[in-house]
């Protein structure tokens, strides 16, 4: 592929298919494929147990330029290369719950929790929390609170460093939640 055709493919974000997901070792992978390789990209995603989304415009189209190009002729996982966790999190966050990349999700849905729910979270409480979008949810103990942020310690992994998240990103566990 010549330099001009590579530049043209990168510039034409309206003709992309994005394959993304976590591999068997929980490493984030993501790549874009030209619209002409949609069937091959879907087959690769199916083989690797990854997600596929077509990107037409909007915020996701801007993000596609930061992803590596997929390699249809590569074998196995090399078709969709690993990417940095922060880039993968941006890809996941950009896609709305209906899977339509780049569409505005609309007005946020208000929670029916009273603000006192989060006001009740104090040091010593057991909560569910996640440090990143791909890390999953874990039980953690609140070790400190400053304003609307809580500092947490992993309950099951005592050697893991403490981390800080917004208080609205955790859920109380056990009797304190009722």
Protein backbone atom coordinates (compact mmCIF):
# COMPACT_ATOMS: atom_id res chain seq x y z
CA UNK A 1 0.00 0.00 0.00
CA UNK A 2 1.48 3.35 -0.97
CA UNK A 3 1.83 6.36 1.34
CA UNK A 4 -1.04 8.13 -0.46
CA UNK A 5 -3.44 5.21 -0.09
CA UNK A 6 -2.56 4.83 3.63
CA UNK A 7 -3.16 8.54 4.20
CA UNK A 8 -6.44 8.36 2.27
CA UNK A 9 -7.64 5.38 4.32
CA UNK A 10 -6.83 7.20 7.58
CA UNK A 11 -8.48 10.40 6.44
CA UNK A 12 -11.72 8.70 5.37
CA UNK A 13 -13.11 8.00 8.84
CA UNK A 14 -16.64 7.62 7.46
CA UNK A 15 -15.67 4.27 5.95
CA UNK A 16 -14.40 2.35 8.97
CA UNK A 17 -15.26 -0.75 10.94
CA UNK A 18 -13.78 -0.95 14.44
CA UNK A 19 -13.01 -4.27 16.13
CA UNK A 20 -12.33 -4.03 19.87
CA UNK A 21 -12.43 -6.01 23.08
CA UNK A 22 -10.36 -7.85 25.64
CA UNK A 23 -8.33 -10.90 24.70
CA UNK A 24 -8.10 -14.09 26.78
CA UNK A 25 -5.43 -12.47 28.97
CA UNK A 26 -7.62 -9.37 29.58
CA UNK A 27 -5.41 -7.15 27.40
CA UNK A 28 -7.30 -4.47 25.46
CA UNK A 29 -7.22 -4.82 21.67
CA UNK A 30 -8.65 -2.49 19.05
CA UNK A 31 -8.15 -1.74 15.36
CA UNK A 32 -9.95 -0.19 12.42
CA UNK A 33 -10.62 -1.84 9.08
CA UNK A 34 -11.78 -0.19 5.84
CA UNK A 35 -15.46 -0.62 4.98
CA UNK A 36 -14.42 -2.89 2.09
CA UNK A 37 -13.15 -5.45 4.63
CA UNK A 38 -16.28 -5.52 6.80
CA UNK A 39 -16.95 -9.24 6.31
CA UNK A 40 -13.34 -10.19 7.07
CA UNK A 41 -13.31 -7.90 10.12
CA UNK A 42 -16.50 -9.50 11.44
CA UNK A 43 -15.02 -12.97 10.91
CA UNK A 44 -11.83 -11.94 12.75
CA UNK A 45 -13.87 -10.48 15.62
CA UNK A 46 -15.92 -13.66 15.86
CA UNK A 47 -12.79 -15.81 15.90
CA UNK A 48 -11.16 -13.67 18.61
CA UNK A 49 -14.40 -13.11 20.58
CA UNK A 50 -14.24 -9.32 20.08
CA UNK A 51 -16.85 -6.65 19.29
CA UNK A 52 -17.46 -4.98 15.92
CA UNK A 53 -18.98 -1.59 15.27
CA UNK A 54 -19.32 0.49 12.12
CA UNK A 55 -18.26 4.09 12.54
CA UNK A 56 -19.84 6.72 10.33
CA UNK A 57 -19.22 10.05 12.02
CA UNK A 58 -19.17 11.90 15.32
CA UNK A 59 -16.87 11.49 18.27
CA UNK A 60 -16.03 7.86 17.48
CA UNK A 61 -14.80 8.79 13.99
CA UNK A 62 -12.27 11.17 15.55
CA UNK A 63 -11.09 8.38 17.85
CA UNK A 64 -10.61 5.91 14.98
CA UNK A 65 -7.60 7.88 13.73
CA UNK A 66 -5.77 7.02 16.97
CA UNK A 67 -6.31 3.28 16.55
CA UNK A 68 -3.92 1.05 14.59
CA UNK A 69 -5.06 -0.43 11.29
CA UNK A 70 -6.20 -4.04 11.48
CA UNK A 71 -4.29 -6.71 9.56
CA UNK A 72 -6.68 -9.07 7.75
CA UNK A 73 -3.85 -11.25 6.45
CA UNK A 74 -2.22 -11.70 9.86
CA UNK A 75 -2.78 -14.87 11.86
CA UNK A 76 -4.83 -15.03 15.06
CA UNK A 77 -4.58 -12.17 17.56
CA UNK A 78 -2.17 -10.23 15.31
CA UNK A 79 -5.21 -9.17 13.24
CA UNK A 80 -6.24 -6.82 16.05
CA UNK A 81 -3.20 -5.42 17.86
CA UNK A 82 -3.11 -4.54 21.56
CA UNK A 83 -3.72 -0.89 22.47
CA UNK A 84 -3.08 1.26 25.53
CA UNK A 85 -5.68 0.89 28.27
CA UNK A 86 -6.53 4.62 28.24
CA UNK A 87 -7.22 4.51 24.48
CA UNK A 88 -9.36 1.39 24.87
CA UNK A 89 -11.35 3.05 27.66
CA UNK A 90 -12.02 6.03 25.37
CA UNK A 91 -13.30 3.68 22.66
CA UNK A 92 -15.63 1.92 25.11
CA UNK A 93 -16.85 5.18 26.65
CA UNK A 94 -17.59 6.68 23.23
CA UNK A 95 -19.97 3.89 22.25
CA UNK A 96 -23.44 4.29 23.72
CA UNK A 97 -25.48 1.39 25.16
CA UNK A 98 -27.21 0.72 21.82
CA UNK A 99 -23.87 0.22 20.08
CA UNK A 100 -24.22 3.21 17.78
CA UNK A 101 -20.76 4.76 17.71
CA UNK A 102 -20.49 8.51 17.67
CA UNK A 103 -24.15 9.19 18.40
CA UNK A 104 -25.00 11.57 21.19
CA UNK A 105 -26.59 9.51 23.94
CA UNK A 106 -29.03 12.30 24.79
CA UNK A 107 -29.73 13.76 28.17
CA UNK A 108 -28.36 11.80 31.11
CA UNK A 109 -30.92 9.77 32.97
CA UNK A 110 -31.36 11.07 36.50
CA UNK A 111 -30.83 8.68 39.34
CA UNK A 112 -33.54 8.06 41.83
CA UNK A 113 -31.03 7.86 44.67
CA UNK A 114 -31.26 10.65 47.22
CA UNK A 115 -28.00 12.52 47.70
CA UNK A 116 -28.02 11.19 51.25
CA UNK A 117 -27.15 7.75 49.79
CA UNK A 118 -23.66 8.95 48.85
CA UNK A 119 -23.41 11.26 51.86
CA UNK A 120 -23.66 8.16 54.06
CA UNK A 121 -20.46 6.62 52.63
CA UNK A 122 -17.70 7.01 55.20
CA UNK A 123 -14.31 5.43 56.02
CA UNK A 124 -14.70 1.80 57.02
CA UNK A 125 -17.67 1.07 54.75
CA UNK A 126 -17.51 -1.81 52.30
CA UNK A 127 -18.33 -0.73 48.72
CA UNK A 128 -18.30 -2.07 45.17
CA UNK A 129 -15.96 -0.08 42.94
CA UNK A 130 -13.97 -0.25 39.73
CA UNK A 131 -10.64 1.42 39.11
CA UNK A 132 -10.99 1.37 35.31
CA UNK A 133 -13.58 0.45 32.68
CA UNK A 134 -11.92 -2.84 31.86
CA UNK A 135 -10.97 -3.88 35.38
CA UNK A 136 -14.34 -5.12 36.58
CA UNK A 137 -16.04 -4.45 39.91
CA UNK A 138 -14.39 -5.32 43.20
CA UNK A 139 -15.18 -5.06 46.87
CA UNK A 140 -13.18 -2.28 48.49
CA UNK A 141 -13.00 -0.58 51.87
CA UNK A 142 -13.31 3.20 52.12
CA UNK A 143 -10.14 4.52 53.81
CA UNK A 144 -10.78 8.23 53.31
CA UNK A 145 -13.15 10.78 51.93
CA UNK A 146 -12.45 14.29 50.65
CA UNK A 147 -15.46 16.15 49.33
CA UNK A 148 -17.00 14.08 46.54
CA UNK A 149 -14.08 11.65 46.22
CA UNK A 150 -13.38 8.50 48.19
CA UNK A 151 -10.06 6.74 48.60
CA UNK A 152 -10.40 2.98 48.53
CA UNK A 153 -8.35 -0.06 49.52
CA UNK A 154 -8.97 -3.37 47.80
CA UNK A 155 -10.48 -5.79 50.29
CA UNK A 156 -9.15 -8.96 48.67
CA UNK A 157 -5.78 -7.68 47.41
CA UNK A 158 -4.11 -5.91 50.35
CA UNK A 159 -0.88 -5.26 48.40
CA UNK A 160 -2.73 -3.37 45.67
CA UNK A 161 -2.26 0.42 45.93
CA UNK A 162 -5.12 2.60 47.15
CA UNK A 163 -7.10 4.42 44.47
CA UNK A 164 -9.48 7.38 44.40
CA UNK A 165 -12.82 7.55 42.60
CA UNK A 166 -15.87 9.86 42.70
CA UNK A 167 -18.24 8.88 45.49
CA UNK A 168 -21.04 8.49 42.92
CA UNK A 169 -19.04 5.68 41.24
CA UNK A 170 -19.33 3.28 44.19
CA UNK A 171 -22.16 1.31 45.74
CA UNK A 172 -22.53 0.38 49.39
CA UNK A 173 -22.46 -3.33 50.20
CA UNK A 174 -24.11 -5.04 53.14
CA UNK A 175 -26.25 -3.66 55.97
CA UNK A 176 -25.00 -0.07 55.55
CA UNK A 177 -26.63 0.01 52.09
CA UNK A 178 -30.14 -0.45 53.47
